Amino acid sequence: MIRALPLELRGRRMLLRPLAASDFEEWREVRRRCAEWLTKWEAAPLPGAPDVVEDPRAFAARCGARERERQMGTGFGFGVFVDGRFGGEINLSGIQRGPFQNGYVGYWIDEALAGKGYTPEAAVVLFRFAFDDLDLHRMQVSIIPRNLASRRVAEKLDLRDEGTAVRYLKINGVWEDHIRYALTAEEWDERRDAYTKEWLSP
């Protein structure tokens, strides 16, 4: 019997759920206010592509694409909601099955919420979903070396540093090196109780 996957994931202080077109105004406010904080770490939009921050139709299309990924099992995107308000995103993408059983984790948080432990908490919630519900074997997180805020998340969670991938992703028009961090299902099994106690228990 196929196990039904949860649409919403709960942490100690947050709710993770897929974004919908109705989230546009709140999402746009955060993206506008935090543009300088966020866009220097992100891939530049494709030339001629609609501005997803300003165009509600483009945002709705983005939500639709994430829903199709969910239906195909290739990706699971979640908005991070703290006290009922939108505060960021965490995504599990590029899922590969077969002998790899791997997924890639990416995240961003509202600058006003940074440094308060929300991102590692969201990551642990996502890890629990990936390993316990999706039965994946490996999670990977790739971070530009000078992105110290994102690296602190990986370090707080004691993710394994697997070295630097040279010119790994094109970010804002530049091929950037990325440190690759990883966590396997075996490591998750060993750390589940500690992660739960530190990040999820009341």
C-alpha atoms as a PDB file:
ATOM      1  CA  MET A   1       0.000   0.000   0.000  1.00  0.00           C
ATOM      2  CA  ILE A   2       1.390   3.416  -0.992  1.00  0.00           C
ATOM      3  CA  ARG A   3       1.821   5.730   1.976  1.00  0.00           C
ATOM      4  CA  ALA A   4       0.119   9.123   1.633  1.00  0.00           C
ATOM      5  CA  LEU A   5       2.600  11.982   1.974  1.00  0.00           C
ATOM      6  CA  PRO A   6       1.786  14.900   4.273  1.00  0.00           C
ATOM      7  CA  LEU A   7       1.175  18.263   2.622  1.00  0.00           C
ATOM      8  CA  GLU A   8       2.068  20.177   5.783  1.00  0.00           C
ATOM      9  CA  LEU A   9       5.060  19.599   8.042  1.00  0.00           C
ATOM     10  CA  ARG A  10       5.260  20.977  11.579  1.00  0.00           C
ATOM     11  CA  GLY A  11       8.268  21.963  13.622  1.00  0.00           C
ATOM     12  CA  ARG A  12       8.449  23.353  17.135  1.00  0.00           C
ATOM     13  CA  ARG A  13       7.826  26.971  16.074  1.00  0.00           C
ATOM     14  CA  MET A  14       6.793  26.733  12.456  1.00  0.00           C
ATOM     15  CA  LEU A  15       4.651  25.231   9.754  1.00  0.00           C
ATOM     16  CA  LEU A  16       6.018  24.178   6.383  1.00  0.00           C
ATOM     17  CA  ARG A  17       3.503  24.003   3.548  1.00  0.00           C
ATOM     18  CA  PRO A  18       3.505  24.401  -0.232  1.00  0.00           C
ATOM     19  CA  LEU A  19       3.091  27.979  -1.400  1.00  0.00           C
ATOM     20  CA  ALA A  20      -0.095  28.918  -3.253  1.00  0.00           C
ATOM     21  CA  ALA A  21      -1.015  31.822  -5.530  1.00  0.00           C
ATOM     22  CA  SER A  22      -2.823  33.400  -2.563  1.00  0.00           C
ATOM     23  CA  ASP A  23       0.543  33.802  -0.773  1.00  0.00           C
ATOM     24  CA  PHE A  24       1.809  36.232  -3.402  1.00  0.00           C
ATOM     25  CA  GLU A  25       1.386  39.535  -1.556  1.00  0.00           C
ATOM     26  CA  GLU A  26       3.061  38.313   1.617  1.00  0.00           C
ATOM     27  CA  TRP A  27       5.834  36.553  -0.331  1.00  0.00           C
ATOM     28  CA  ARG A  28       6.467  39.685  -2.425  1.00  0.00           C
ATOM     29  CA  GLU A  29       6.734  41.905   0.658  1.00  0.00           C
ATOM     30  CA  VAL A  30       9.468  39.720   2.116  1.00  0.00           C
ATOM     31  CA  ARG A  31      11.321  39.376  -1.194  1.00  0.00           C
ATOM     32  CA  ARG A  32      11.240  43.131  -1.822  1.00  0.00           C
ATOM     33  CA  ARG A  33      12.398  44.011   1.687  1.00  0.00           C
ATOM     34  CA  CYS A  34      15.159  41.390   1.694  1.00  0.00           C
ATOM     35  CA  ALA A  35      16.315  41.750  -1.931  1.00  0.00           C
ATOM     36  CA  GLU A  36      19.856  42.818  -1.059  1.00  0.00           C
ATOM     37  CA  TRP A  37      20.104  40.097   1.581  1.00  0.00           C
ATOM     38  CA  LEU A  38      18.966  37.320  -0.784  1.00  0.00           C
ATOM     39  CA  THR A  39      19.663  37.928  -4.469  1.00  0.00           C
ATOM     40  CA  LYS A  40      23.463  37.941  -4.222  1.00  0.00           C
ATOM     41  CA  TRP A  41      23.266  34.207  -3.451  1.00  0.00           C
ATOM     42  CA  GLU A  42      20.767  33.279  -6.175  1.00  0.00           C
ATOM     43  CA  ALA A  43      20.889  32.508  -9.864  1.00  0.00           C
ATOM     44  CA  ALA A  44      20.010  35.492 -12.050  1.00  0.00           C
ATOM     45  CA  PRO A  45      16.618  35.347 -13.799  1.00  0.00           C
ATOM     46  CA  LEU A  46      16.647  34.225 -17.412  1.00  0.00           C
ATOM     47  CA  PRO A  47      16.648  37.113 -19.905  1.00  0.00           C
ATOM     48  CA  GLY A  48      13.086  38.035 -20.842  1.00  0.00           C
ATOM     49  CA  ALA A  49      11.553  35.916 -18.068  1.00  0.00           C
ATOM     50  CA  PRO A  50       8.694  37.550 -16.121  1.00  0.00           C
ATOM     51  CA  ASP A  51       9.632  39.001 -12.749  1.00  0.00           C
ATOM     52  CA  VAL A  52       8.244  36.516 -10.264  1.00  0.00           C
ATOM     53  CA  VAL A  53       8.541  39.082  -7.456  1.00  0.00           C
ATOM     54  CA  GLU A  54       6.307  41.595  -9.238  1.00  0.00           C
ATOM     55  CA  ASP A  55       4.088  39.479 -11.501  1.00  0.00           C
ATOM     56  CA  PRO A  56       1.385  37.475  -9.674  1.00  0.00           C
ATOM     57  CA  ARG A  57       0.858  35.300 -12.753  1.00  0.00           C
ATOM     58  CA  ALA A  58       4.530  34.346 -12.773  1.00  0.00           C
ATOM     59  CA  PHE A  59       4.338  33.538  -9.065  1.00  0.00           C
ATOM     60  CA  ALA A  60       1.232  31.384  -9.650  1.00  0.00           C
ATOM     61  CA  ALA A  61       3.074  29.576 -12.457  1.00  0.00           C
ATOM     62  CA  ARG A  62       5.993  28.967 -10.089  1.00  0.00           C
ATOM     63  CA  CYS A  63       3.596  27.467  -7.531  1.00  0.00           C
ATOM     64  CA  GLY A  64       2.087  25.296 -10.256  1.00  0.00           C
ATOM     65  CA  ALA A  65       5.515  24.037 -11.296  1.00  0.00           C
ATOM     66  CA  ARG A  66       6.285  23.086  -7.699  1.00  0.00           C
ATOM     67  CA  GLU A  67       2.986  21.228  -7.475  1.00  0.00           C
ATOM     68  CA  ARG A  68       3.839  19.244 -10.617  1.00  0.00           C
ATOM     69  CA  GLU A  69       7.215  18.358  -9.106  1.00  0.00           C
ATOM     70  CA  ARG A  70       5.416  17.143  -5.993  1.00  0.00           C
ATOM     71  CA  GLN A  71       3.049  14.998  -8.060  1.00  0.00           C
ATOM     72  CA  MET A  72       5.979  13.464  -9.956  1.00  0.00           C
ATOM     73  CA  GLY A  73       8.006  12.992  -6.795  1.00  0.00           C
ATOM     74  CA  THR A  74      10.962  14.977  -8.138  1.00  0.00           C
ATOM     75  CA  GLY A  75      10.760  17.908  -5.735  1.00  0.00           C
ATOM     76  CA  PHE A  76       8.957  19.247  -2.671  1.00  0.00           C
ATOM     77  CA  GLY A  77       8.863  22.988  -2.032  1.00  0.00           C
ATOM     78  CA  PHE A  78       7.661  24.539   1.211  1.00  0.00           C
ATOM     79  CA  GLY A  79       7.024  28.008   2.513  1.00  0.00           C
ATOM     80  CA  VAL A  80       8.199  28.531   6.093  1.00  0.00           C
ATOM     81  CA  PHE A  81       5.485  30.097   8.252  1.00  0.00           C
ATOM     82  CA  VAL A  82       6.300  31.459  11.716  1.00  0.00           C
ATOM     83  CA  ASP A  83       3.428  32.620  13.911  1.00  0.00           C
ATOM     84  CA  GLY A  84       1.174  32.305  10.879  1.00  0.00           C
ATOM     85  CA  ARG A  85       3.277  34.656   8.760  1.00  0.00           C
ATOM     86  CA  PHE A  86       5.411  33.808   5.753  1.00  0.00           C
ATOM     87  CA  GLY A  87       9.105  33.848   6.642  1.00  0.00           C
ATOM     88  CA  GLY A  88      11.075  32.027   3.967  1.00  0.00           C
ATOM     89  CA  GLU A  89      11.336  28.880   1.881  1.00  0.00           C
ATOM     90  CA  ILE A  90      12.969  25.486   2.080  1.00  0.00           C
ATOM     91  CA  ASN A  91      12.999  23.189  -0.913  1.00  0.00           C
ATOM     92  CA  LEU A  92      13.940  19.619  -1.643  1.00  0.00           C
ATOM     93  CA  SER A  93      14.716  19.407  -5.349  1.00  0.00           C
ATOM     94  CA  GLY A  94      16.341  17.280  -8.026  1.00  0.00           C
ATOM     95  CA  ILE A  95      15.305  14.028  -6.373  1.00  0.00           C
ATOM     96  CA  GLN A  96      16.926  11.034  -8.010  1.00  0.00           C
ATOM     97  CA  ARG A  97      15.850   7.487  -7.299  1.00  0.00           C
ATOM     98  CA  GLY A  98      17.462   4.227  -8.413  1.00  0.00           C
ATOM     99  CA  PRO A  99      20.854   3.582  -6.813  1.00  0.00           C
ATOM    100  CA  PHE A 100      21.317   7.256  -5.767  1.00  0.00           C
ATOM    101  CA  GLN A 101      18.175   8.064  -3.696  1.00  0.00           C
ATOM    102  CA  ASN A 102      19.387  11.653  -3.337  1.00  0.00           C
ATOM    103  CA  GLY A 103      17.864  15.093  -2.989  1.00  0.00           C
ATOM    104  CA  TYR A 104      19.221  18.652  -2.866  1.00  0.00           C
ATOM    105  CA  VAL A 105      18.186  21.084  -0.144  1.00  0.00           C
ATOM    106  CA  GLY A 106      18.012  24.851  -0.596  1.00  0.00           C
ATOM    107  CA  TYR A 107      16.694  27.454   1.819  1.00  0.00           C
ATOM    108  CA  TRP A 108      16.335  31.152   2.494  1.00  0.00           C
ATOM    109  CA  ILE A 109      14.910  33.109   5.404  1.00  0.00           C
ATOM    110  CA  ASP A 110      13.547  36.611   5.971  1.00  0.00           C
ATOM    111  CA  GLU A 111      16.450  38.750   7.182  1.00  0.00           C
ATOM    112  CA  ALA A 112      14.308  39.811  10.157  1.00  0.00           C
ATOM    113  CA  LEU A 113      14.168  36.160  11.299  1.00  0.00           C
ATOM    114  CA  ALA A 114      17.823  35.303  10.680  1.00  0.00           C
ATOM    115  CA  GLY A 115      19.979  34.126  13.563  1.00  0.00           C
ATOM    116  CA  LYS A 116      17.075  32.794  15.613  1.00  0.00           C
ATOM    117  CA  GLY A 117      17.401  29.116  14.714  1.00  0.00           C
ATOM    118  CA  TYR A 118      14.455  28.982  12.324  1.00  0.00           C
ATOM    119  CA  THR A 119      16.446  27.731   9.325  1.00  0.00           C
ATOM    120  CA  PRO A 120      18.099  24.761  11.062  1.00  0.00           C
ATOM    121  CA  GLU A 121      14.735  23.886  12.584  1.00  0.00           C
ATOM    122  CA  ALA A 122      13.139  23.928   9.122  1.00  0.00           C
ATOM    123  CA  ALA A 123      16.014  21.805   7.795  1.00  0.00           C
ATOM    124  CA  VAL A 124      15.475  19.159  10.486  1.00  0.00           C
ATOM    125  CA  VAL A 125      11.747  19.090   9.668  1.00  0.00           C
ATOM    126  CA  LEU A 126      12.622  18.604   6.007  1.00  0.00           C
ATOM    127  CA  PHE A 127      15.223  15.924   6.788  1.00  0.00           C
ATOM    128  CA  ARG A 128      12.635  13.997   8.796  1.00  0.00           C
ATOM    129  CA  PHE A 129      10.255  14.147   5.820  1.00  0.00           C
ATOM    130  CA  ALA A 130      12.955  13.168   3.329  1.00  0.00           C
ATOM    131  CA  PHE A 131      14.332  10.225   5.255  1.00  0.00           C
ATOM    132  CA  ASP A 132      11.249   8.934   7.082  1.00  0.00           C
ATOM    133  CA  ASP A 133       8.498   9.641   4.524  1.00  0.00           C
ATOM    134  CA  LEU A 134      10.322   9.641   1.182  1.00  0.00           C
ATOM    135  CA  ASP A 135      12.893   6.981   2.135  1.00  0.00           C
ATOM    136  CA  LEU A 136      15.722   8.917   0.541  1.00  0.00           C
ATOM    137  CA  HIS A 137      19.269   7.920   1.387  1.00  0.00           C
ATOM    138  CA  ARG A 138      21.105  11.202   1.042  1.00  0.00           C
ATOM    139  CA  MET A 139      20.553  14.964   1.365  1.00  0.00           C
ATOM    140  CA  GLN A 140      22.976  17.490  -0.095  1.00  0.00           C
ATOM    141  CA  VAL A 141      23.328  21.220   0.585  1.00  0.00           C
ATOM    142  CA  SER A 142      25.653  23.356  -1.554  1.00  0.00           C
ATOM    143  CA  ILE A 143      26.789  26.754  -0.235  1.00  0.00           C
ATOM    144  CA  ILE A 144      29.045  29.512  -1.581  1.00  0.00           C
ATOM    145  CA  PRO A 145      32.027  29.644   0.813  1.00  0.00           C
ATOM    146  CA  ARG A 146      31.579  33.330   1.701  1.00  0.00           C
ATOM    147  CA  ASN A 147      27.866  32.830   2.530  1.00  0.00           C
ATOM    148  CA  LEU A 148      28.611  32.598   6.231  1.00  0.00           C
ATOM    149  CA  ALA A 149      24.972  32.699   7.345  1.00  0.00           C
ATOM    150  CA  SER A 150      24.089  29.603   5.315  1.00  0.00           C
ATOM    151  CA  ARG A 151      27.269  27.851   6.359  1.00  0.00           C
ATOM    152  CA  ARG A 152      26.367  28.407  10.019  1.00  0.00           C
ATOM    153  CA  VAL A 153      23.157  26.437   9.420  1.00  0.00           C
ATOM    154  CA  ALA A 154      25.133  23.489   8.055  1.00  0.00           C
ATOM    155  CA  GLU A 155      27.593  23.717  10.936  1.00  0.00           C
ATOM    156  CA  LYS A 156      24.853  23.895  13.592  1.00  0.00           C
ATOM    157  CA  LEU A 157      23.460  20.670  12.148  1.00  0.00           C
ATOM    158  CA  ASP A 158      26.935  19.101  11.951  1.00  0.00           C
ATOM    159  CA  LEU A 159      26.487  18.266   8.273  1.00  0.00           C
ATOM    160  CA  ARG A 160      29.476  16.550   6.727  1.00  0.00           C
ATOM    161  CA  ASP A 161      31.729  18.823   4.651  1.00  0.00           C
ATOM    162  CA  GLU A 162      32.522  16.861   1.501  1.00  0.00           C
ATOM    163  CA  GLY A 163      34.795  19.478  -0.007  1.00  0.00           C
ATOM    164  CA  THR A 164      34.516  22.320  -2.478  1.00  0.00           C
ATOM    165  CA  ALA A 165      33.054  21.884  -5.943  1.00  0.00           C
ATOM    166  CA  VAL A 166      34.883  24.346  -8.184  1.00  0.00           C
ATOM    167  CA  ARG A 167      32.730  26.684 -10.311  1.00  0.00           C
ATOM    168  CA  TYR A 168      29.716  24.575  -9.382  1.00  0.00           C
ATOM    169  CA  LEU A 169      26.762  26.907 -10.055  1.00  0.00           C
ATOM    170  CA  LYS A 170      26.279  30.129 -12.000  1.00  0.00           C
ATOM    171  CA  ILE A 171      25.166  32.759  -9.468  1.00  0.00           C
ATOM    172  CA  ASN A 172      24.441  36.295 -10.655  1.00  0.00           C
ATOM    173  CA  GLY A 173      26.375  35.623 -13.840  1.00  0.00           C
ATOM    174  CA  VAL A 174      29.465  34.184 -12.111  1.00  0.00           C
ATOM    175  CA  TRP A 175      30.453  30.523 -11.855  1.00  0.00           C
ATOM    176  CA  GLU A 176      30.811  30.176  -8.084  1.00  0.00           C
ATOM    177  CA  ASP A 177      32.577  27.520  -6.025  1.00  0.00           C
ATOM    178  CA  HIS A 178      30.313  25.751  -3.531  1.00  0.00           C
ATOM    179  CA  ILE A 179      31.059  23.760  -0.405  1.00  0.00           C
ATOM    180  CA  ARG A 180      29.072  20.541  -0.543  1.00  0.00           C
ATOM    181  CA  TYR A 181      27.549  19.323   2.703  1.00  0.00           C
ATOM    182  CA  ALA A 182      25.710  16.025   3.084  1.00  0.00           C
ATOM    183  CA  LEU A 183      23.714  13.855   5.452  1.00  0.00           C
ATOM    184  CA  THR A 184      22.896  10.190   4.851  1.00  0.00           C
ATOM    185  CA  ALA A 185      20.056   8.058   6.163  1.00  0.00           C
ATOM    186  CA  GLU A 186      22.492   6.214   8.428  1.00  0.00           C
ATOM    187  CA  GLU A 187      23.607   9.505   9.970  1.00  0.00           C
ATOM    188  CA  TRP A 188      19.991  10.591  10.313  1.00  0.00           C
ATOM    189  CA  ASP A 189      19.185   7.390  12.197  1.00  0.00           C
ATOM    190  CA  GLU A 190      22.091   8.035  14.563  1.00  0.00           C
ATOM    191  CA  ARG A 191      21.168  11.683  15.152  1.00  0.00           C
ATOM    192  CA  ARG A 192      17.364  11.658  14.936  1.00  0.00           C
ATOM    193  CA  ASP A 193      16.823  11.747  18.688  1.00  0.00           C
ATOM    194  CA  ALA A 194      19.422  14.483  19.233  1.00  0.00           C
ATOM    195  CA  TYR A 195      18.046  16.579  16.369  1.00  0.00           C
ATOM    196  CA  THR A 196      14.514  16.147  17.689  1.00  0.00           C
ATOM    197  CA  LYS A 197      15.493  17.127  21.225  1.00  0.00           C
ATOM    198  CA  GLU A 198      17.441  20.214  20.113  1.00  0.00           C
ATOM    199  CA  TRP A 199      15.259  21.533  17.309  1.00  0.00           C
ATOM    200  CA  LEU A 200      11.765  20.056  17.483  1.00  0.00           C
ATOM    201  CA  SER A 201      10.798  19.178  21.044  1.00  0.00           C
ATOM    202  CA  PRO A 202       8.686  21.728  22.993  1.00  0.00           C
END
